[in-house]
Amino acid sequence: MNLKHSRLLLLTILTALLLFAAGCQGSPAESNDNVQSAEEPKDLILATTTSTQDSGLLDELIPIFEEEENINVKTIAVGTGQALEMGTQGEADVLLVHAPAAEQEIVDSGDAINRKRVMYNDFIMIGPKEDPAGVSGLPVQEAFVKISEENAVFISRGDDSGTHKKELGIWEAAGITPSENSGYTETGQGMGDTLQIAADRGGYVLTDRATFLAHQDTLGLSILVEGDEGLLNIYHVMQVNPEKHNKVYAEGAEAFGDFMVSDETQKVIEEFGKDEYGEALFFKYTE
């Protein structure tokens, strides 16, 4: 082989190697797509009432949302009052709560936007099967009066939650100061813990139905008062306003609100609890 042919062969080999290397690297657009697909999910802070957590509903819904949106949800389950306060301080991105009057206040103040009705269940009064105060079947306000007259044990959450707000409203409507009853105790705890304390002390307690059904096998307490129109328990989702709180994750919060009222999510809510408890724990209630 002469020198000219050798140089030609070497040039051909080098060209082939360069083309091969370029093919392995891929185009800039392809590389960018790969980076995008591997992008780490952003964190979304959800402040919510303990009933959505204690009932197990969020364990069902959040993984679906996270997978669909590539967003990591950090749930802070507290009383509704605390959740709303987190919203007014810009310490959460989105709220899922159940105290309509208090919710409207932070919408009016401009701290929350895009408030949407999601679902409902109801409040019930539960207590010992023996029912020492004799409240079974009474209208809820009359039941509260009877508990006060009998100085019966009543366990309150005492945490400014939606349930606590509802309870205080009933006492007020009945013209009673509950703290004057020596049997009245505030736990400062979530619904699940408060139910357990009521069971341990043989007391009466106002609770949302969903949390009671999720814990009833361990409590030994019975539903004694239910069905009053005033015991409806409505949940809303709302964004913390990014124009007032500029550090919130606005896009993720909006996506979560849309997710909660979507047809697919509403079907999950409607079916949740039926297999395990024989009845739904929540009912869809979008506008």
C-alpha atoms as a PDB file:
ATOM      1  CA  MET A   1       0.000   0.000   0.000  1.00  0.00           C
ATOM      2  CA  ASN A   2       1.527   3.377  -1.022  1.00  0.00           C
ATOM      3  CA  LEU A   3       1.673   6.469   1.164  1.00  0.00           C
ATOM      4  CA  LYS A   4      -1.258   8.167  -0.594  1.00  0.00           C
ATOM      5  CA  HIS A   5      -3.564   5.226   0.061  1.00  0.00           C
ATOM      6  CA  SER A   6      -2.468   5.004   3.710  1.00  0.00           C
ATOM      7  CA  ARG A   7      -3.291   8.654   4.316  1.00  0.00           C
ATOM      8  CA  LEU A   8      -6.707   8.208   2.672  1.00  0.00           C
ATOM      9  CA  LEU A   9      -7.496   5.197   4.837  1.00  0.00           C
ATOM     10  CA  LEU A  10      -6.456   7.033   8.005  1.00  0.00           C
ATOM     11  CA  LEU A  11      -8.634  10.028   7.091  1.00  0.00           C
ATOM     12  CA  THR A  12     -11.629   7.732   6.477  1.00  0.00           C
ATOM     13  CA  ILE A  13     -11.197   6.043   9.875  1.00  0.00           C
ATOM     14  CA  LEU A  14     -10.920   9.385  11.733  1.00  0.00           C
ATOM     15  CA  THR A  15     -14.030  10.724  10.010  1.00  0.00           C
ATOM     16  CA  ALA A  16     -15.986   7.605  10.974  1.00  0.00           C
ATOM     17  CA  LEU A  17     -14.887   7.895  14.607  1.00  0.00           C
ATOM     18  CA  LEU A  18     -15.924  11.558  14.777  1.00  0.00           C
ATOM     19  CA  LEU A  19     -19.370  10.784  13.319  1.00  0.00           C
ATOM     20  CA  PHE A  20     -19.831   7.927  15.783  1.00  0.00           C
ATOM     21  CA  ALA A  21     -18.922  10.142  18.744  1.00  0.00           C
ATOM     22  CA  ALA A  22     -21.325  12.845  17.605  1.00  0.00           C
ATOM     23  CA  GLY A  23     -24.116  10.266  17.311  1.00  0.00           C
ATOM     24  CA  CYS A  24     -23.525   9.044  20.872  1.00  0.00           C
ATOM     25  CA  GLN A  25     -23.749  12.550  22.283  1.00  0.00           C
ATOM     26  CA  GLY A  26     -27.115  13.237  20.599  1.00  0.00           C
ATOM     27  CA  SER A  27     -28.465  16.586  19.577  1.00  0.00           C
ATOM     28  CA  PRO A  28     -28.681  19.521  22.013  1.00  0.00           C
ATOM     29  CA  ALA A  29     -32.470  19.294  21.873  1.00  0.00           C
ATOM     30  CA  GLU A  30     -32.383  15.609  22.796  1.00  0.00           C
ATOM     31  CA  SER A  31     -30.035  16.301  25.696  1.00  0.00           C
ATOM     32  CA  ASN A  32     -32.325  19.045  26.958  1.00  0.00           C
ATOM     33  CA  ASP A  33     -35.325  16.699  26.766  1.00  0.00           C
ATOM     34  CA  ASN A  34     -33.475  14.159  28.883  1.00  0.00           C
ATOM     35  CA  VAL A  35     -32.706  16.808  31.514  1.00  0.00           C
ATOM     36  CA  GLN A  36     -36.348  17.901  31.559  1.00  0.00           C
ATOM     37  CA  SER A  37     -37.659  14.352  31.957  1.00  0.00           C
ATOM     38  CA  ALA A  38     -35.327  13.751  34.893  1.00  0.00           C
ATOM     39  CA  GLU A  39     -36.209  17.053  36.598  1.00  0.00           C
ATOM     40  CA  GLU A  40     -36.690  16.796  40.338  1.00  0.00           C
ATOM     41  CA  PRO A  41     -40.280  17.379  41.519  1.00  0.00           C
ATOM     42  CA  LYS A  42     -41.018  20.658  43.295  1.00  0.00           C
ATOM     43  CA  ASP A  43     -42.429  20.668  46.825  1.00  0.00           C
ATOM     44  CA  LEU A  44     -46.019  21.803  47.410  1.00  0.00           C
ATOM     45  CA  ILE A  45     -47.053  22.590  50.995  1.00  0.00           C
ATOM     46  CA  LEU A  46     -50.643  21.548  51.723  1.00  0.00           C
ATOM     47  CA  ALA A  47     -52.131  22.773  55.008  1.00  0.00           C
ATOM     48  CA  THR A  48     -55.251  20.804  55.849  1.00  0.00           C
ATOM     49  CA  THR A  49     -57.545  19.664  58.613  1.00  0.00           C
ATOM     50  CA  THR A  50     -56.717  16.462  60.457  1.00  0.00           C
ATOM     51  CA  SER A  51     -59.924  14.757  59.286  1.00  0.00           C
ATOM     52  CA  THR A  52     -58.675  14.475  55.701  1.00  0.00           C
ATOM     53  CA  GLN A  53     -55.503  12.840  57.027  1.00  0.00           C
ATOM     54  CA  ASP A  54     -56.981  10.704  59.831  1.00  0.00           C
ATOM     55  CA  SER A  55     -59.700   9.299  57.560  1.00  0.00           C
ATOM     56  CA  GLY A  56     -57.093   8.070  55.058  1.00  0.00           C
ATOM     57  CA  LEU A  57     -58.497  10.106  52.161  1.00  0.00           C
ATOM     58  CA  LEU A  58     -55.255  11.953  51.462  1.00  0.00           C
ATOM     59  CA  ASP A  59     -53.342   8.674  51.401  1.00  0.00           C
ATOM     60  CA  GLU A  60     -55.574   7.763  48.486  1.00  0.00           C
ATOM     61  CA  LEU A  61     -55.506  11.054  46.591  1.00  0.00           C
ATOM     62  CA  ILE A  62     -52.038  12.533  46.981  1.00  0.00           C
ATOM     63  CA  PRO A  63     -50.070   9.737  45.266  1.00  0.00           C
ATOM     64  CA  ILE A  64     -52.332  10.151  42.219  1.00  0.00           C
ATOM     65  CA  PHE A  65     -51.694  13.904  42.106  1.00  0.00           C
ATOM     66  CA  GLU A  66     -47.953  13.508  42.640  1.00  0.00           C
ATOM     67  CA  GLU A  67     -47.647  11.044  39.782  1.00  0.00           C
ATOM     68  CA  GLU A  68     -49.761  13.129  37.397  1.00  0.00           C
ATOM     69  CA  GLU A  69     -48.042  16.456  38.089  1.00  0.00           C
ATOM     70  CA  ASN A  70     -44.485  15.461  39.148  1.00  0.00           C
ATOM     71  CA  ILE A  71     -45.004  17.440  42.366  1.00  0.00           C
ATOM     72  CA  ASN A  72     -44.034  16.340  45.874  1.00  0.00           C
ATOM     73  CA  VAL A  73     -46.811  17.193  48.362  1.00  0.00           C
ATOM     74  CA  LYS A  74     -45.796  17.995  51.922  1.00  0.00           C
ATOM     75  CA  THR A  75     -48.949  17.645  54.021  1.00  0.00           C
ATOM     76  CA  ILE A  76     -49.319  19.551  57.282  1.00  0.00           C
ATOM     77  CA  ALA A  77     -52.438  18.233  59.036  1.00  0.00           C
ATOM     78  CA  VAL A  78     -53.566  20.626  61.755  1.00  0.00           C
ATOM     79  CA  GLY A  79     -56.805  22.203  62.879  1.00  0.00           C
ATOM     80  CA  THR A  80     -58.530  24.320  60.244  1.00  0.00           C
ATOM     81  CA  GLY A  81     -57.803  27.469  62.258  1.00  0.00           C
ATOM     82  CA  GLN A  82     -54.080  26.738  62.173  1.00  0.00           C
ATOM     83  CA  ALA A  83     -54.235  25.844  58.483  1.00  0.00           C
ATOM     84  CA  LEU A  84     -55.942  29.148  57.691  1.00  0.00           C
ATOM     85  CA  GLU A  85     -53.364  31.003  59.766  1.00  0.00           C
ATOM     86  CA  MET A  86     -50.610  29.346  57.740  1.00  0.00           C
ATOM     87  CA  GLY A  87     -52.336  30.709  54.657  1.00  0.00           C
ATOM     88  CA  THR A  88     -52.466  34.260  55.995  1.00  0.00           C
ATOM     89  CA  GLN A  89     -48.749  34.044  56.831  1.00  0.00           C
ATOM     90  CA  GLY A  90     -47.785  32.614  53.436  1.00  0.00           C
ATOM     91  CA  GLU A  91     -46.487  29.439  55.112  1.00  0.00           C
ATOM     92  CA  ALA A  92     -48.465  27.087  52.858  1.00  0.00           C
ATOM     93  CA  ASP A  93     -49.195  26.980  49.152  1.00  0.00           C
ATOM     94  CA  VAL A  94     -52.689  25.495  49.196  1.00  0.00           C
ATOM     95  CA  LEU A  95     -55.368  24.857  51.842  1.00  0.00           C
ATOM     96  CA  LEU A  96     -57.975  22.092  52.221  1.00  0.00           C
ATOM     97  CA  VAL A  97     -60.250  23.059  55.099  1.00  0.00           C
ATOM     98  CA  HIS A  98     -63.803  22.923  56.500  1.00  0.00           C
ATOM     99  CA  ALA A  99     -64.837  26.115  58.257  1.00  0.00           C
ATOM    100  CA  PRO A 100     -66.720  28.137  55.616  1.00  0.00           C
ATOM    101  CA  ALA A 101     -67.159  31.371  57.582  1.00  0.00           C
ATOM    102  CA  ALA A 102     -63.507  31.502  58.614  1.00  0.00           C
ATOM    103  CA  GLU A 103     -62.426  30.578  55.084  1.00  0.00           C
ATOM    104  CA  GLN A 104     -64.398  33.485  53.654  1.00  0.00           C
ATOM    105  CA  GLU A 105     -62.539  35.860  55.954  1.00  0.00           C
ATOM    106  CA  ILE A 106     -59.138  35.059  54.419  1.00  0.00           C
ATOM    107  CA  VAL A 107     -60.612  35.234  50.925  1.00  0.00           C
ATOM    108  CA  ASP A 108     -61.972  38.696  51.764  1.00  0.00           C
ATOM    109  CA  SER A 109     -58.581  39.737  53.159  1.00  0.00           C
ATOM    110  CA  GLY A 110     -56.918  38.737  49.888  1.00  0.00           C
ATOM    111  CA  ASP A 111     -54.783  36.007  51.446  1.00  0.00           C
ATOM    112  CA  ALA A 112     -56.519  33.218  49.517  1.00  0.00           C
ATOM    113  CA  ILE A 113     -57.897  32.924  45.996  1.00  0.00           C
ATOM    114  CA  ASN A 114     -59.653  30.362  43.804  1.00  0.00           C
ATOM    115  CA  ARG A 115     -61.743  28.895  46.643  1.00  0.00           C
ATOM    116  CA  LYS A 116     -63.582  25.826  45.361  1.00  0.00           C
ATOM    117  CA  ARG A 117     -66.080  23.536  47.040  1.00  0.00           C
ATOM    118  CA  VAL A 118     -64.822  19.947  46.992  1.00  0.00           C
ATOM    119  CA  MET A 119     -66.898  17.598  49.146  1.00  0.00           C
ATOM    120  CA  TYR A 120     -68.921  17.204  52.301  1.00  0.00           C
ATOM    121  CA  ASN A 121     -69.762  14.777  55.050  1.00  0.00           C
ATOM    122  CA  ASP A 122     -71.390  15.532  58.395  1.00  0.00           C
ATOM    123  CA  PHE A 123     -70.670  16.023  62.058  1.00  0.00           C
ATOM    124  CA  ILE A 124     -72.072  13.565  64.580  1.00  0.00           C
ATOM    125  CA  MET A 125     -72.091  13.305  68.341  1.00  0.00           C
ATOM    126  CA  ILE A 126     -70.799  10.061  69.718  1.00  0.00           C
ATOM    127  CA  GLY A 127     -70.560   8.758  73.239  1.00  0.00           C
ATOM    128  CA  PRO A 128     -70.805   5.704  75.508  1.00  0.00           C
ATOM    129  CA  LYS A 129     -73.346   3.094  74.493  1.00  0.00           C
ATOM    130  CA  GLU A 130     -74.890   3.443  77.961  1.00  0.00           C
ATOM    131  CA  ASP A 131     -75.581   7.136  77.172  1.00  0.00           C
ATOM    132  CA  PRO A 132     -75.591   8.362  80.798  1.00  0.00           C
ATOM    133  CA  ALA A 133     -76.845  11.843  79.839  1.00  0.00           C
ATOM    134  CA  GLY A 134     -79.730  10.406  77.791  1.00  0.00           C
ATOM    135  CA  VAL A 135     -79.054  12.349  74.576  1.00  0.00           C
ATOM    136  CA  SER A 136     -79.623   9.624  72.006  1.00  0.00           C
ATOM    137  CA  GLY A 137     -81.872  10.780  69.183  1.00  0.00           C
ATOM    138  CA  LEU A 138     -82.192  14.363  70.398  1.00  0.00           C
ATOM    139  CA  PRO A 139     -81.624  17.403  68.151  1.00  0.00           C
ATOM    140  CA  VAL A 140     -78.004  18.386  68.601  1.00  0.00           C
ATOM    141  CA  GLN A 141     -78.666  21.622  70.480  1.00  0.00           C
ATOM    142  CA  GLU A 142     -80.947  19.851  72.954  1.00  0.00           C
ATOM    143  CA  ALA A 143     -78.296  17.166  73.388  1.00  0.00           C
ATOM    144  CA  PHE A 144     -75.710  19.796  74.325  1.00  0.00           C
ATOM    145  CA  VAL A 145     -78.119  21.311  76.865  1.00  0.00           C
ATOM    146  CA  LYS A 146     -78.714  17.878  78.408  1.00  0.00           C
ATOM    147  CA  ILE A 147     -74.989  17.171  78.664  1.00  0.00           C
ATOM    148  CA  SER A 148     -74.500  20.478  80.453  1.00  0.00           C
ATOM    149  CA  GLU A 149     -77.426  19.852  82.829  1.00  0.00           C
ATOM    150  CA  GLU A 150     -76.118  16.387  83.684  1.00  0.00           C
ATOM    151  CA  ASN A 151     -72.545  17.684  84.046  1.00  0.00           C
ATOM    152  CA  ALA A 152     -71.527  14.799  81.780  1.00  0.00           C
ATOM    153  CA  VAL A 153     -68.029  14.255  80.434  1.00  0.00           C
ATOM    154  CA  PHE A 154     -67.575  16.078  77.140  1.00  0.00           C
ATOM    155  CA  ILE A 155     -64.275  15.999  75.261  1.00  0.00           C
ATOM    156  CA  SER A 156     -63.522  18.955  72.990  1.00  0.00           C
ATOM    157  CA  ARG A 157     -60.693  19.309  70.514  1.00  0.00           C
ATOM    158  CA  GLY A 158     -60.040  22.819  71.792  1.00  0.00           C
ATOM    159  CA  ASP A 159     -57.709  23.527  68.858  1.00  0.00           C
ATOM    160  CA  ASP A 160     -59.567  26.122  66.743  1.00  0.00           C
ATOM    161  CA  SER A 161     -60.234  23.451  64.136  1.00  0.00           C
ATOM    162  CA  GLY A 162     -63.323  23.354  61.947  1.00  0.00           C
ATOM    163  CA  THR A 163     -64.833  20.771  64.294  1.00  0.00           C
ATOM    164  CA  HIS A 164     -64.021  22.897  67.331  1.00  0.00           C
ATOM    165  CA  LYS A 165     -65.565  25.968  65.676  1.00  0.00           C
ATOM    166  CA  LYS A 166     -68.729  23.963  64.954  1.00  0.00           C
ATOM    167  CA  GLU A 167     -68.899  22.731  68.545  1.00  0.00           C
ATOM    168  CA  LEU A 168     -68.477  26.232  69.990  1.00  0.00           C
ATOM    169  CA  GLY A 169     -71.220  27.493  67.693  1.00  0.00           C
ATOM    170  CA  ILE A 170     -73.624  24.902  69.085  1.00  0.00           C
ATOM    171  CA  TRP A 171     -72.787  25.784  72.704  1.00  0.00           C
ATOM    172  CA  GLU A 172     -73.277  29.474  71.920  1.00  0.00           C
ATOM    173  CA  ALA A 173     -76.622  28.853  70.212  1.00  0.00           C
ATOM    174  CA  ALA A 174     -77.713  26.921  73.303  1.00  0.00           C
ATOM    175  CA  GLY A 175     -76.679  29.814  75.555  1.00  0.00           C
ATOM    176  CA  ILE A 176     -74.145  27.686  77.440  1.00  0.00           C
ATOM    177  CA  THR A 177     -70.560  28.383  78.488  1.00  0.00           C
ATOM    178  CA  PRO A 178     -69.093  24.870  78.289  1.00  0.00           C
ATOM    179  CA  SER A 179     -66.096  25.573  80.505  1.00  0.00           C
ATOM    180  CA  GLU A 180     -68.499  25.983  83.436  1.00  0.00           C
ATOM    181  CA  ASN A 181     -69.144  22.222  83.189  1.00  0.00           C
ATOM    182  CA  SER A 182     -66.536  20.382  85.275  1.00  0.00           C
ATOM    183  CA  GLY A 183     -66.814  17.443  82.878  1.00  0.00           C
ATOM    184  CA  TYR A 184     -65.719  19.575  79.912  1.00  0.00           C
ATOM    185  CA  THR A 185     -62.136  18.942  78.742  1.00  0.00           C
ATOM    186  CA  GLU A 186     -60.194  20.454  75.850  1.00  0.00           C
ATOM    187  CA  THR A 187     -57.490  18.218  74.401  1.00  0.00           C
ATOM    188  CA  GLY A 188     -55.744  20.599  72.014  1.00  0.00           C
ATOM    189  CA  GLN A 189     -55.298  17.530  69.784  1.00  0.00           C
ATOM    190  CA  GLY A 190     -56.436  16.334  66.383  1.00  0.00           C
ATOM    191  CA  MET A 191     -59.636  14.382  65.841  1.00  0.00           C
ATOM    192  CA  GLY A 192     -58.154  10.905  66.053  1.00  0.00           C
ATOM    193  CA  ASP A 193     -56.416  11.564  69.380  1.00  0.00           C
ATOM    194  CA  THR A 194     -59.468  13.337  70.768  1.00  0.00           C
ATOM    195  CA  LEU A 195     -61.673  10.361  69.934  1.00  0.00           C
ATOM    196  CA  GLN A 196     -59.309   8.063  71.804  1.00  0.00           C
ATOM    197  CA  ILE A 197     -59.366  10.319  74.867  1.00  0.00           C
ATOM    198  CA  ALA A 198     -63.185  10.353  74.755  1.00  0.00           C
ATOM    199  CA  ALA A 199     -63.176   6.564  74.612  1.00  0.00           C
ATOM    200  CA  ASP A 200     -60.763   6.302  77.530  1.00  0.00           C
ATOM    201  CA  ARG A 201     -62.856   8.640  79.675  1.00  0.00           C
ATOM    202  CA  GLY A 202     -66.295   7.460  78.559  1.00  0.00           C
ATOM    203  CA  GLY A 203     -67.180  10.932  77.297  1.00  0.00           C
ATOM    204  CA  TYR A 204     -69.248  12.546  74.599  1.00  0.00           C
ATOM    205  CA  VAL A 205     -67.558  14.195  71.629  1.00  0.00           C
ATOM    206  CA  LEU A 206     -68.471  15.981  68.397  1.00  0.00           C
ATOM    207  CA  THR A 207     -66.631  14.526  65.417  1.00  0.00           C
ATOM    208  CA  ASP A 208     -66.759  14.353  61.664  1.00  0.00           C
ATOM    209  CA  ARG A 209     -68.257  11.069  60.509  1.00  0.00           C
ATOM    210  CA  ALA A 210     -65.279  10.089  58.348  1.00  0.00           C
ATOM    211  CA  THR A 211     -62.750  10.079  61.175  1.00  0.00           C
ATOM    212  CA  PHE A 212     -65.126   8.212  63.472  1.00  0.00           C
ATOM    213  CA  LEU A 213     -65.746   5.482  60.908  1.00  0.00           C
ATOM    214  CA  ALA A 214     -62.003   5.128  60.347  1.00  0.00           C
ATOM    215  CA  HIS A 215     -61.425   4.607  64.103  1.00  0.00           C
ATOM    216  CA  GLN A 216     -64.675   3.094  65.386  1.00  0.00           C
ATOM    217  CA  ASP A 217     -63.349  -0.439  65.839  1.00  0.00           C
ATOM    218  CA  THR A 218     -60.933   0.737  68.535  1.00  0.00           C
ATOM    219  CA  LEU A 219     -63.231   3.128  70.393  1.00  0.00           C
ATOM    220  CA  GLY A 220     -66.280   1.346  71.788  1.00  0.00           C
ATOM    221  CA  LEU A 221     -68.363   4.507  71.280  1.00  0.00           C
ATOM    222  CA  SER A 222     -71.689   4.840  69.465  1.00  0.00           C
ATOM    223  CA  ILE A 223     -73.328   7.449  67.253  1.00  0.00           C
ATOM    224  CA  LEU A 224     -75.982   9.108  69.422  1.00  0.00           C
ATOM    225  CA  VAL A 225     -76.905  12.314  67.559  1.00  0.00           C
ATOM    226  CA  GLU A 226     -76.876  12.754  63.795  1.00  0.00           C
ATOM    227  CA  GLY A 227     -78.831  14.138  60.864  1.00  0.00           C
ATOM    228  CA  ASP A 228     -79.335  17.759  61.904  1.00  0.00           C
ATOM    229  CA  GLU A 229     -79.171  20.155  58.975  1.00  0.00           C
ATOM    230  CA  GLY A 230     -76.733  22.289  60.972  1.00  0.00           C
ATOM    231  CA  LEU A 231     -74.250  19.415  61.156  1.00  0.00           C
ATOM    232  CA  LEU A 232     -73.326  19.530  57.470  1.00  0.00           C
ATOM    233  CA  ASN A 233     -69.523  19.573  57.092  1.00  0.00           C
ATOM    234  CA  ILE A 234     -68.342  21.224  53.864  1.00  0.00           C
ATOM    235  CA  TYR A 235     -64.751  21.207  52.588  1.00  0.00           C
ATOM    236  CA  HIS A 236     -63.135  23.763  50.280  1.00  0.00           C
ATOM    237  CA  VAL A 237     -59.745  23.960  48.568  1.00  0.00           C
ATOM    238  CA  MET A 238     -58.067  27.331  47.944  1.00  0.00           C
ATOM    239  CA  GLN A 239     -54.754  28.759  46.855  1.00  0.00           C
ATOM    240  CA  VAL A 240     -52.671  31.092  48.956  1.00  0.00           C
ATOM    241  CA  ASN A 241     -52.548  34.319  46.954  1.00  0.00           C
ATOM    242  CA  PRO A 242     -49.138  34.649  45.220  1.00  0.00           C
ATOM    243  CA  GLU A 243     -49.664  38.376  44.695  1.00  0.00           C
ATOM    244  CA  LYS A 244     -49.703  38.860  48.457  1.00  0.00           C
ATOM    245  CA  HIS A 245     -47.297  36.044  49.375  1.00  0.00           C
ATOM    246  CA  ASN A 246     -44.673  35.894  46.651  1.00  0.00           C
ATOM    247  CA  LYS A 247     -42.822  32.798  47.903  1.00  0.00           C
ATOM    248  CA  VAL A 248     -45.712  30.381  47.405  1.00  0.00           C
ATOM    249  CA  TYR A 249     -45.718  27.758  44.651  1.00  0.00           C
ATOM    250  CA  ALA A 250     -48.611  29.213  42.680  1.00  0.00           C
ATOM    251  CA  GLU A 251     -48.579  26.823  39.716  1.00  0.00           C
ATOM    252  CA  GLY A 252     -48.574  23.752  41.947  1.00  0.00           C
ATOM    253  CA  ALA A 253     -51.327  25.165  44.157  1.00  0.00           C
ATOM    254  CA  GLU A 254     -53.523  25.891  41.152  1.00  0.00           C
ATOM    255  CA  ALA A 255     -52.901  22.391  39.808  1.00  0.00           C
ATOM    256  CA  PHE A 256     -53.913  20.871  43.165  1.00  0.00           C
ATOM    257  CA  GLY A 257     -57.141  22.882  43.254  1.00  0.00           C
ATOM    258  CA  ASP A 258     -58.027  21.782  39.743  1.00  0.00           C
ATOM    259  CA  PHE A 259     -57.168  18.183  40.641  1.00  0.00           C
ATOM    260  CA  MET A 260     -59.482  18.150  43.670  1.00  0.00           C
ATOM    261  CA  VAL A 261     -62.541  19.201  41.653  1.00  0.00           C
ATOM    262  CA  SER A 262     -61.789  17.106  38.557  1.00  0.00           C
ATOM    263  CA  ASP A 263     -64.258  14.398  37.564  1.00  0.00           C
ATOM    264  CA  GLU A 264     -61.684  11.659  38.122  1.00  0.00           C
ATOM    265  CA  THR A 265     -60.858  12.808  41.660  1.00  0.00           C
ATOM    266  CA  GLN A 266     -64.514  13.269  42.535  1.00  0.00           C
ATOM    267  CA  LYS A 267     -65.140   9.642  41.560  1.00  0.00           C
ATOM    268  CA  VAL A 268     -62.359   8.521  43.923  1.00  0.00           C
ATOM    269  CA  ILE A 269     -63.847  10.629  46.733  1.00  0.00           C
ATOM    270  CA  GLU A 270     -67.307   9.195  46.101  1.00  0.00           C
ATOM    271  CA  GLU A 271     -66.041   5.605  46.350  1.00  0.00           C
ATOM    272  CA  PHE A 272     -63.595   6.106  49.217  1.00  0.00           C
ATOM    273  CA  GLY A 273     -64.503   4.025  52.271  1.00  0.00           C
ATOM    274  CA  LYS A 274     -67.237   1.921  50.702  1.00  0.00           C
ATOM    275  CA  ASP A 275     -65.188  -1.273  50.544  1.00  0.00           C
ATOM    276  CA  GLU A 276     -63.800  -0.985  54.074  1.00  0.00           C
ATOM    277  CA  TYR A 277     -66.659   0.653  55.969  1.00  0.00           C
ATOM    278  CA  GLY A 278     -69.692  -0.183  53.852  1.00  0.00           C
ATOM    279  CA  GLU A 279     -70.425   3.479  53.172  1.00  0.00           C
ATOM    280  CA  ALA A 280     -68.726   6.508  51.676  1.00  0.00           C
ATOM    281  CA  LEU A 281     -66.803   8.741  54.080  1.00  0.00           C
ATOM    282  CA  PHE A 282     -67.191  11.836  51.906  1.00  0.00           C
ATOM    283  CA  PHE A 283     -69.561  12.925  49.160  1.00  0.00           C
ATOM    284  CA  LYS A 284     -68.639  14.918  46.079  1.00  0.00           C
ATOM    285  CA  TYR A 285     -69.912  18.462  46.230  1.00  0.00           C
ATOM    286  CA  THR A 286     -68.434  20.619  43.496  1.00  0.00           C
ATOM    287  CA  GLU A 287     -70.148  23.758  42.232  1.00  0.00           C
END
